[in-house]
Amino acid sequence: MRTIALLLAGLGLTLPAAAATPEESLNKAGCMACHAKDKKLVGPSFKDIAAKYKGQDAAAALAQKVRSGGKGVFGPIPMPPNPPEKISDADLKEGVGWILKQ
């Protein structure tokens, strides 16, 4: 792989960047400042979120909640809105799917 990258670099080309994992996208968007995979921080853990919505078709509703912000489902501390400039629709969809699988 390094040889191919060097050959492409010699031609002024590069390999496409590897796609970020859902966890990396959530971290980049700042979600991990308040959430952790398996413990409560400011907000609930991803495992607690997954447990609450287990067996439900909640992905679209949770994505909308991330976009618009929320309060009261897991306690009194509000979650601020997260616009597309912070996390893209595609990354949000993958991130919510990853959270629900925890």
Protein backbone atom coordinates (compact mmCIF):
# COMPACT_ATOMS: atom_id res chain seq x y z
CA MET A 1 0.00 0.00 0.00
CA ARG A 2 2.86 2.37 0.83
CA THR A 3 4.41 1.70 -2.61
CA ILE A 4 1.15 2.59 -4.35
CA ALA A 5 0.86 5.77 -2.26
CA LEU A 6 4.41 6.76 -3.18
CA LEU A 7 3.79 6.10 -6.88
CA LEU A 8 0.60 8.15 -6.80
CA ALA A 9 2.37 10.95 -4.89
CA GLY A 10 5.02 11.03 -7.64
CA LEU A 11 2.20 11.64 -10.12
CA GLY A 12 0.67 14.35 -7.93
CA LEU A 13 -2.20 12.08 -6.87
CA THR A 14 -3.29 10.74 -3.49
CA LEU A 15 -5.35 7.86 -2.22
CA PRO A 16 -8.78 8.79 -0.88
CA ALA A 17 -8.88 9.19 2.89
CA ALA A 18 -10.26 6.25 4.81
CA ALA A 19 -13.83 6.78 5.92
CA ALA A 20 -14.22 7.62 9.58
CA THR A 21 -15.93 5.10 11.82
CA PRO A 22 -19.23 6.17 13.40
CA GLU A 23 -17.45 6.46 16.74
CA GLU A 24 -14.80 8.75 15.20
CA SER A 25 -17.51 10.89 13.61
CA LEU A 26 -19.34 11.24 16.93
CA ASN A 27 -16.08 12.19 18.61
CA LYS A 28 -15.26 14.76 15.92
CA ALA A 29 -18.75 16.28 16.28
CA GLY A 30 -18.20 16.71 20.01
CA CYS A 31 -20.69 14.11 21.18
CA MET A 32 -18.06 12.40 23.34
CA ALA A 33 -17.72 15.56 25.44
CA CYS A 34 -21.03 14.65 27.08
CA HIS A 35 -21.54 10.96 26.22
CA ALA A 36 -19.44 7.82 26.64
CA LYS A 37 -19.97 4.32 25.33
CA ASP A 38 -20.60 2.65 28.68
CA LYS A 39 -20.86 5.27 31.44
CA LYS A 40 -22.91 8.36 32.17
CA LEU A 41 -21.08 11.65 31.81
CA VAL A 42 -23.15 14.81 31.34
CA GLY A 43 -25.55 12.84 29.19
CA PRO A 44 -26.49 9.17 29.18
CA SER A 45 -24.12 6.47 27.95
CA PHE A 46 -24.66 5.13 24.47
CA LYS A 47 -25.45 1.75 26.05
CA ASP A 48 -28.23 3.36 28.14
CA ILE A 49 -29.65 5.02 25.03
CA ALA A 50 -29.58 1.71 23.15
CA ALA A 51 -31.27 -0.09 26.07
CA LYS A 52 -34.05 2.52 26.29
CA TYR A 53 -34.90 2.19 22.60
CA LYS A 54 -34.24 -1.55 22.19
CA GLY A 55 -36.80 -3.19 19.90
CA GLN A 56 -38.08 0.15 18.64
CA ASP A 57 -37.62 1.74 15.23
CA ALA A 58 -36.12 4.85 16.82
CA ALA A 59 -33.26 5.81 14.48
CA ALA A 60 -35.08 8.62 12.65
CA ALA A 61 -36.54 10.04 15.88
CA LEU A 62 -33.14 9.98 17.60
CA ALA A 63 -31.45 11.65 14.64
CA GLN A 64 -34.09 14.37 14.76
CA LYS A 65 -33.53 14.76 18.51
CA VAL A 66 -29.79 15.20 17.91
CA ARG A 67 -30.53 17.82 15.24
CA SER A 68 -33.05 19.82 17.30
CA GLY A 69 -31.71 19.17 20.80
CA GLY A 70 -33.62 17.63 23.64
CA LYS A 71 -34.42 17.70 27.32
CA GLY A 72 -36.14 15.54 29.86
CA VAL A 73 -35.85 12.01 28.48
CA PHE A 74 -32.70 11.13 30.45
CA GLY A 75 -32.76 13.94 33.01
CA PRO A 76 -32.91 17.72 33.35
CA ILE A 77 -29.70 18.63 31.49
CA PRO A 78 -30.58 19.71 27.94
CA MET A 79 -28.72 18.54 24.86
CA PRO A 80 -28.04 21.44 22.49
CA PRO A 81 -28.99 21.21 18.81
CA ASN A 82 -26.38 19.76 16.47
CA PRO A 83 -26.67 21.26 12.98
CA PRO A 84 -25.34 19.71 9.76
CA GLU A 85 -22.27 21.96 10.01
CA LYS A 86 -21.32 20.03 13.15
CA ILE A 87 -22.19 16.50 11.93
CA SER A 88 -23.32 15.61 8.41
CA ASP A 89 -26.60 13.79 7.77
CA ALA A 90 -24.70 10.69 6.66
CA ASP A 91 -22.44 10.67 9.72
CA LEU A 92 -25.42 11.31 12.00
CA LYS A 93 -27.36 8.41 10.49
CA GLU A 94 -24.39 6.05 10.88
CA GLY A 95 -23.69 7.34 14.39
CA VAL A 96 -27.26 6.82 15.57
CA GLY A 97 -27.24 3.32 14.07
CA TRP A 98 -23.99 2.57 15.91
CA ILE A 99 -25.40 3.91 19.19
CA LEU A 100 -28.50 1.73 18.89
CA LYS A 101 -26.29 -1.37 18.48
CA GLN A 102 -24.44 -0.83 21.77
